């Protein structure tokens, strides 16, 4: 099977592939942004909880 330049330029297979690559890259970028935001919020929450837990004192009820 022989292809020439005109056949190459008129075929749409490559354009569809590029569309999927761009769509996939966009989804990966959005996923990365979401994970970064969740990670930052989770880290802030954990730091806040650590400070509150450190401030709690526990008294013994007379055991050993």
C-alpha atoms as a PDB file:
ATOM      1  CA  UNK A   1       0.000   0.000   0.000  1.00  0.00           C
ATOM      2  CA  UNK A   2       1.502   3.266  -1.118  1.00  0.00           C
ATOM      3  CA  UNK A   3       0.665   6.640   0.413  1.00  0.00           C
ATOM      4  CA  UNK A   4       1.412  10.028  -0.988  1.00  0.00           C
ATOM      5  CA  UNK A   5       1.394  13.503   0.551  1.00  0.00           C
ATOM      6  CA  UNK A   6      -2.192  14.269  -0.521  1.00  0.00           C
ATOM      7  CA  UNK A   7      -3.481  11.109   1.182  1.00  0.00           C
ATOM      8  CA  UNK A   8      -1.551  11.973   4.317  1.00  0.00           C
ATOM      9  CA  UNK A   9      -2.948  15.514   4.466  1.00  0.00           C
ATOM     10  CA  UNK A  10      -6.552  14.452   3.878  1.00  0.00           C
ATOM     11  CA  UNK A  11      -6.667  11.627   6.424  1.00  0.00           C
ATOM     12  CA  UNK A  12      -8.169  12.478   9.794  1.00  0.00           C
ATOM     13  CA  UNK A  13      -6.601   9.724  11.891  1.00  0.00           C
ATOM     14  CA  UNK A  14      -3.806  11.987  13.114  1.00  0.00           C
ATOM     15  CA  UNK A  15      -6.194  14.806  14.019  1.00  0.00           C
ATOM     16  CA  UNK A  16      -8.274  12.466  16.173  1.00  0.00           C
ATOM     17  CA  UNK A  17      -5.128  11.242  17.905  1.00  0.00           C
ATOM     18  CA  UNK A  18      -4.049  14.800  18.637  1.00  0.00           C
ATOM     19  CA  UNK A  19      -7.516  15.573  20.037  1.00  0.00           C
ATOM     20  CA  UNK A  20      -7.239  12.628  22.430  1.00  0.00           C
ATOM     21  CA  UNK A  21      -3.722  13.609  23.469  1.00  0.00           C
ATOM     22  CA  UNK A  22      -4.847  17.170  24.248  1.00  0.00           C
ATOM     23  CA  UNK A  23      -7.926  15.916  26.117  1.00  0.00           C
ATOM     24  CA  UNK A  24      -5.857  13.463  28.153  1.00  0.00           C
ATOM     25  CA  UNK A  25      -3.257  16.115  28.983  1.00  0.00           C
ATOM     26  CA  UNK A  26      -6.024  18.444  30.158  1.00  0.00           C
ATOM     27  CA  UNK A  27      -7.526  15.772  32.381  1.00  0.00           C
ATOM     28  CA  UNK A  28      -4.135  14.947  33.868  1.00  0.00           C
ATOM     29  CA  UNK A  29      -3.551  18.651  34.558  1.00  0.00           C
ATOM     30  CA  UNK A  30      -6.936  19.034  36.249  1.00  0.00           C
ATOM     31  CA  UNK A  31      -6.346  15.893  38.306  1.00  0.00           C
ATOM     32  CA  UNK A  32      -2.952  17.168  39.381  1.00  0.00           C
ATOM     33  CA  UNK A  33      -4.422  20.520  40.441  1.00  0.00           C
ATOM     34  CA  UNK A  34      -7.155  18.787  42.454  1.00  0.00           C
ATOM     35  CA  UNK A  35      -4.680  16.483  44.186  1.00  0.00           C
ATOM     36  CA  UNK A  36      -2.433  19.431  45.038  1.00  0.00           C
ATOM     37  CA  UNK A  37      -5.355  21.364  46.543  1.00  0.00           C
ATOM     38  CA  UNK A  38      -6.557  18.357  48.540  1.00  0.00           C
ATOM     39  CA  UNK A  39      -3.017  17.591  49.716  1.00  0.00           C
ATOM     40  CA  UNK A  40      -2.485  21.152  50.929  1.00  0.00           C
ATOM     41  CA  UNK A  41      -5.837  21.250  52.737  1.00  0.00           C
ATOM     42  CA  UNK A  42      -5.199  17.846  54.330  1.00  0.00           C
ATOM     43  CA  UNK A  43      -1.746  18.908  55.500  1.00  0.00           C
ATOM     44  CA  UNK A  44      -3.159  22.105  57.035  1.00  0.00           C
ATOM     45  CA  UNK A  45      -5.879  20.115  58.822  1.00  0.00           C
ATOM     46  CA  UNK A  46      -3.376  17.591  60.167  1.00  0.00           C
ATOM     47  CA  UNK A  47      -1.146  20.396  61.474  1.00  0.00           C
ATOM     48  CA  UNK A  48      -4.122  22.027  63.187  1.00  0.00           C
ATOM     49  CA  UNK A  49      -5.178  18.749  64.789  1.00  0.00           C
ATOM     50  CA  UNK A  50      -1.617  18.088  65.972  1.00  0.00           C
ATOM     51  CA  UNK A  51      -1.523  21.452  67.752  1.00  0.00           C
ATOM     52  CA  UNK A  52      -4.876  20.800  69.451  1.00  0.00           C
ATOM     53  CA  UNK A  53      -3.891  17.289  70.535  1.00  0.00           C
ATOM     54  CA  UNK A  54      -0.586  18.564  71.930  1.00  0.00           C
ATOM     55  CA  UNK A  55      -2.529  21.064  74.059  1.00  0.00           C
ATOM     56  CA  UNK A  56      -4.685  18.405  75.730  1.00  0.00           C
ATOM     57  CA  UNK A  57      -3.609  17.203  79.155  1.00  0.00           C
ATOM     58  CA  UNK A  58      -4.813  13.918  80.617  1.00  0.00           C
ATOM     59  CA  UNK A  59      -5.106  13.338  84.339  1.00  0.00           C
ATOM     60  CA  UNK A  60      -4.883   9.941  85.929  1.00  0.00           C
ATOM     61  CA  UNK A  61      -7.844   8.682  87.983  1.00  0.00           C
ATOM     62  CA  UNK A  62      -5.643   7.152  90.645  1.00  0.00           C
ATOM     63  CA  UNK A  63      -4.449   4.008  88.927  1.00  0.00           C
ATOM     64  CA  UNK A  64      -0.854   2.917  88.704  1.00  0.00           C
END
